[in-house]
Amino acid sequence: MLSPIKITPKAQAEIKNIIANKNIPKDYALRVGVKGGGCGGMSYLLGFDKPKEGDQQFVIEDIPVLIEKKHYMFLMGMQVDFFEGSDTQGFTFINPDLPKRHDG
């Protein structure tokens, strides 16, 4: 099964950096998911976790990735990116099928 998400090279580098420097256990993988509902729609989740029953497992550029089966369709086509601004940094989810939003 193909992974429903893509991870940009910048995000891959940051994820590998976290794995190398934050004592992430060897049996953990990057969990990508969604939290539903509300006025704001879906919230996307990113963290490290052990595989659970029913997880879909992928390897993206040597990064083990877990996605709950029920989240698969909500993540289809999403890209995980990492941004660094002058006063903020973090991971972001981008849906390339939606028009880009311009802030400001």
C-alpha atoms as a PDB file:
ATOM      1  CA  MET A   1       0.000   0.000   0.000  1.00  0.00           C
ATOM      2  CA  LEU A   2       1.272   3.440  -0.906  1.00  0.00           C
ATOM      3  CA  SER A   3       1.684   6.064   1.765  1.00  0.00           C
ATOM      4  CA  PRO A   4      -1.112   8.659   1.621  1.00  0.00           C
ATOM      5  CA  ILE A   5       1.303  11.427   2.689  1.00  0.00           C
ATOM      6  CA  LYS A   6       4.511  12.961   1.447  1.00  0.00           C
ATOM      7  CA  ILE A   7       7.195  14.395   3.704  1.00  0.00           C
ATOM      8  CA  THR A   8       9.214  17.261   2.246  1.00  0.00           C
ATOM      9  CA  PRO A   9      13.027  17.075   2.416  1.00  0.00           C
ATOM     10  CA  LYS A  10      13.066  19.895   5.001  1.00  0.00           C
ATOM     11  CA  ALA A  11      10.587  18.003   7.228  1.00  0.00           C
ATOM     12  CA  GLN A  12      12.520  14.740   6.737  1.00  0.00           C
ATOM     13  CA  ALA A  13      15.710  16.420   7.940  1.00  0.00           C
ATOM     14  CA  GLU A  14      13.970  17.815  11.046  1.00  0.00           C
ATOM     15  CA  ILE A  15      12.287  14.471  11.862  1.00  0.00           C
ATOM     16  CA  LYS A  16      15.624  12.634  11.547  1.00  0.00           C
ATOM     17  CA  ASN A  17      17.224  15.310  13.742  1.00  0.00           C
ATOM     18  CA  ILE A  18      14.535  14.792  16.419  1.00  0.00           C
ATOM     19  CA  ILE A  19      14.967  10.996  16.280  1.00  0.00           C
ATOM     20  CA  ALA A  20      18.739  11.353  16.630  1.00  0.00           C
ATOM     21  CA  ASN A  21      18.737  13.945  19.408  1.00  0.00           C
ATOM     22  CA  LYS A  22      15.607  13.429  21.538  1.00  0.00           C
ATOM     23  CA  ASN A  23      16.094   9.804  22.652  1.00  0.00           C
ATOM     24  CA  ILE A  24      13.139   8.472  20.649  1.00  0.00           C
ATOM     25  CA  PRO A  25      12.975   4.711  21.383  1.00  0.00           C
ATOM     26  CA  LYS A  26      14.004   2.436  18.495  1.00  0.00           C
ATOM     27  CA  ASP A  27      10.602   0.707  18.420  1.00  0.00           C
ATOM     28  CA  TYR A  28       8.732   4.019  17.973  1.00  0.00           C
ATOM     29  CA  ALA A  29       7.686   5.538  14.653  1.00  0.00           C
ATOM     30  CA  LEU A  30       6.324   8.869  13.478  1.00  0.00           C
ATOM     31  CA  ARG A  31       2.547   8.844  14.001  1.00  0.00           C
ATOM     32  CA  VAL A  32       0.538  11.036  11.646  1.00  0.00           C
ATOM     33  CA  GLY A  33      -3.154  11.505  12.290  1.00  0.00           C
ATOM     34  CA  VAL A  34      -6.146  13.790  12.472  1.00  0.00           C
ATOM     35  CA  LYS A  35      -8.354  15.093  15.234  1.00  0.00           C
ATOM     36  CA  GLY A  36     -11.806  15.891  13.964  1.00  0.00           C
ATOM     37  CA  GLY A  37     -14.517  18.377  14.025  1.00  0.00           C
ATOM     38  CA  GLY A  38     -15.411  21.731  15.357  1.00  0.00           C
ATOM     39  CA  CYS A  39     -15.697  24.978  13.458  1.00  0.00           C
ATOM     40  CA  GLY A  40     -12.071  24.827  12.398  1.00  0.00           C
ATOM     41  CA  GLY A  41     -12.382  21.449  10.701  1.00  0.00           C
ATOM     42  CA  MET A  42      -9.593  18.891  11.015  1.00  0.00           C
ATOM     43  CA  SER A  43      -6.513  19.297  13.145  1.00  0.00           C
ATOM     44  CA  TYR A  44      -3.485  17.301  12.099  1.00  0.00           C
ATOM     45  CA  LEU A  45      -1.379  15.397  14.613  1.00  0.00           C
ATOM     46  CA  LEU A  46       2.293  14.502  14.503  1.00  0.00           C
ATOM     47  CA  GLY A  47       4.242  12.656  17.188  1.00  0.00           C
ATOM     48  CA  PHE A  48       6.188   9.514  18.017  1.00  0.00           C
ATOM     49  CA  ASP A  49       4.448   6.355  19.168  1.00  0.00           C
ATOM     50  CA  LYS A  50       4.581   2.560  19.239  1.00  0.00           C
ATOM     51  CA  PRO A  51       2.654   0.679  16.549  1.00  0.00           C
ATOM     52  CA  LYS A  52      -0.884  -0.281  17.585  1.00  0.00           C
ATOM     53  CA  GLU A  53      -3.380  -2.827  16.316  1.00  0.00           C
ATOM     54  CA  GLY A  54      -4.857  -1.632  13.027  1.00  0.00           C
ATOM     55  CA  ASP A  55      -2.098   0.858  12.163  1.00  0.00           C
ATOM     56  CA  GLN A  56      -0.973   1.209   8.582  1.00  0.00           C
ATOM     57  CA  GLN A  57       2.840   1.215   8.533  1.00  0.00           C
ATOM     58  CA  PHE A  58       5.022   2.901   5.926  1.00  0.00           C
ATOM     59  CA  VAL A  59       8.645   3.875   5.491  1.00  0.00           C
ATOM     60  CA  ILE A  60       9.256   7.265   3.879  1.00  0.00           C
ATOM     61  CA  GLU A  61      12.937   8.056   3.219  1.00  0.00           C
ATOM     62  CA  ASP A  62      14.051   5.769   6.073  1.00  0.00           C
ATOM     63  CA  ILE A  63      11.468   7.271   8.456  1.00  0.00           C
ATOM     64  CA  PRO A  64       9.014   4.715   9.881  1.00  0.00           C
ATOM     65  CA  VAL A  65       5.489   6.167   9.730  1.00  0.00           C
ATOM     66  CA  LEU A  66       2.262   5.008  11.416  1.00  0.00           C
ATOM     67  CA  ILE A  67      -1.246   6.001  10.369  1.00  0.00           C
ATOM     68  CA  GLU A  68      -4.432   4.693  11.956  1.00  0.00           C
ATOM     69  CA  LYS A  69      -6.566   3.002   9.331  1.00  0.00           C
ATOM     70  CA  LYS A  70      -9.504   5.332  10.065  1.00  0.00           C
ATOM     71  CA  HIS A  71      -7.315   8.426   9.413  1.00  0.00           C
ATOM     72  CA  TYR A  72      -5.958   7.196   6.071  1.00  0.00           C
ATOM     73  CA  MET A  73      -8.613   8.830   3.862  1.00  0.00           C
ATOM     74  CA  PHE A  74      -8.305  12.196   5.646  1.00  0.00           C
ATOM     75  CA  LEU A  75      -4.546  12.287   5.036  1.00  0.00           C
ATOM     76  CA  MET A  76      -4.647  11.270   1.378  1.00  0.00           C
ATOM     77  CA  GLY A  77      -2.426  13.615  -0.653  1.00  0.00           C
ATOM     78  CA  MET A  78      -1.210  15.668   2.326  1.00  0.00           C
ATOM     79  CA  GLN A  79       2.352  16.935   2.563  1.00  0.00           C
ATOM     80  CA  VAL A  80       4.169  17.366   5.867  1.00  0.00           C
ATOM     81  CA  ASP A  81       6.557  20.319   5.723  1.00  0.00           C
ATOM     82  CA  PHE A  82       8.764  22.138   8.221  1.00  0.00           C
ATOM     83  CA  PHE A  83       9.029  25.922   8.297  1.00  0.00           C
ATOM     84  CA  GLU A  84      11.407  28.242  10.079  1.00  0.00           C
ATOM     85  CA  GLY A  85      10.425  31.874  10.386  1.00  0.00           C
ATOM     86  CA  SER A  86      12.137  34.701  12.197  1.00  0.00           C
ATOM     87  CA  ASP A  87      10.087  34.115  15.354  1.00  0.00           C
ATOM     88  CA  THR A  88       8.481  30.708  14.876  1.00  0.00           C
ATOM     89  CA  GLN A  89       9.157  27.250  13.532  1.00  0.00           C
ATOM     90  CA  GLY A  90       7.271  24.004  13.276  1.00  0.00           C
ATOM     91  CA  PHE A  91       5.682  21.329  11.173  1.00  0.00           C
ATOM     92  CA  THR A  92       2.797  22.171   8.890  1.00  0.00           C
ATOM     93  CA  PHE A  93       0.385  20.127   6.797  1.00  0.00           C
ATOM     94  CA  ILE A  94      -0.214  21.225   3.227  1.00  0.00           C
ATOM     95  CA  ASN A  95      -2.963  19.989   0.948  1.00  0.00           C
ATOM     96  CA  PRO A  96      -1.602  20.621  -2.563  1.00  0.00           C
ATOM     97  CA  ASP A  97      -5.132  20.244  -3.971  1.00  0.00           C
ATOM     98  CA  LEU A  98      -6.348  23.374  -2.151  1.00  0.00           C
ATOM     99  CA  PRO A  99      -5.464  26.917  -3.214  1.00  0.00           C
ATOM    100  CA  LYS A 100      -2.611  28.410  -1.224  1.00  0.00           C
ATOM    101  CA  ARG A 101      -3.660  30.825   1.516  1.00  0.00           C
ATOM    102  CA  HIS A 102      -1.772  34.080   1.709  1.00  0.00           C
ATOM    103  CA  ASP A 103      -1.540  35.648   5.145  1.00  0.00           C
ATOM    104  CA  GLY A 104      -1.246  39.406   5.530  1.00  0.00           C
END
